[in-house]
Amino acid sequence: MKVEDSGKGLGMKPWKAYGLLVLFNVAFTVLIQYWERLLYWCLEGRVPPILIFGSIGLIAGAWLLGNRLIVRRSSLDWRKGIGAVAVVVAIVLLDPWVRPLYMNQLDNLAMFQSFRILEHFRKG
């Protein structure tokens, strides 16, 4: 049985389903970049390893399950869904015009939040 690219599972047209998939993956790719910078800054101090491994599992699990949910509920072809995800992630991570727009701000936010996290673990 072949699944058509109809987008009727969520009651939306296919282009809206792809738009939702693109927005979800842009948000999660930026979130993963923020987490990676936060991890870099937190490794300078003493943070319990369980927090680091737990956060990796949480982010990866939420990203994979979210993509699966969007593709299944919108009845998109899974190969086209994976292709859309790969294109979005490649653009956000590798494009020399898009990356500098958000990377400097993410690095500053992660650095200042890591100071607060490290201060918490220094007290305890």
Foldseek 3Di string as FASTA:
>chain_A
DDQAQAQPLVDDGSVVLLVVLLVLLLVLLLVVLLLVLLVVLLVVADDDVVVVVVVVCVSVVCSVVVLVVSCVSRRHDVVVSVVSSVVSNCCCPPPPVNPVVCNVVSNVVSNVVSVVVRVVVVVD
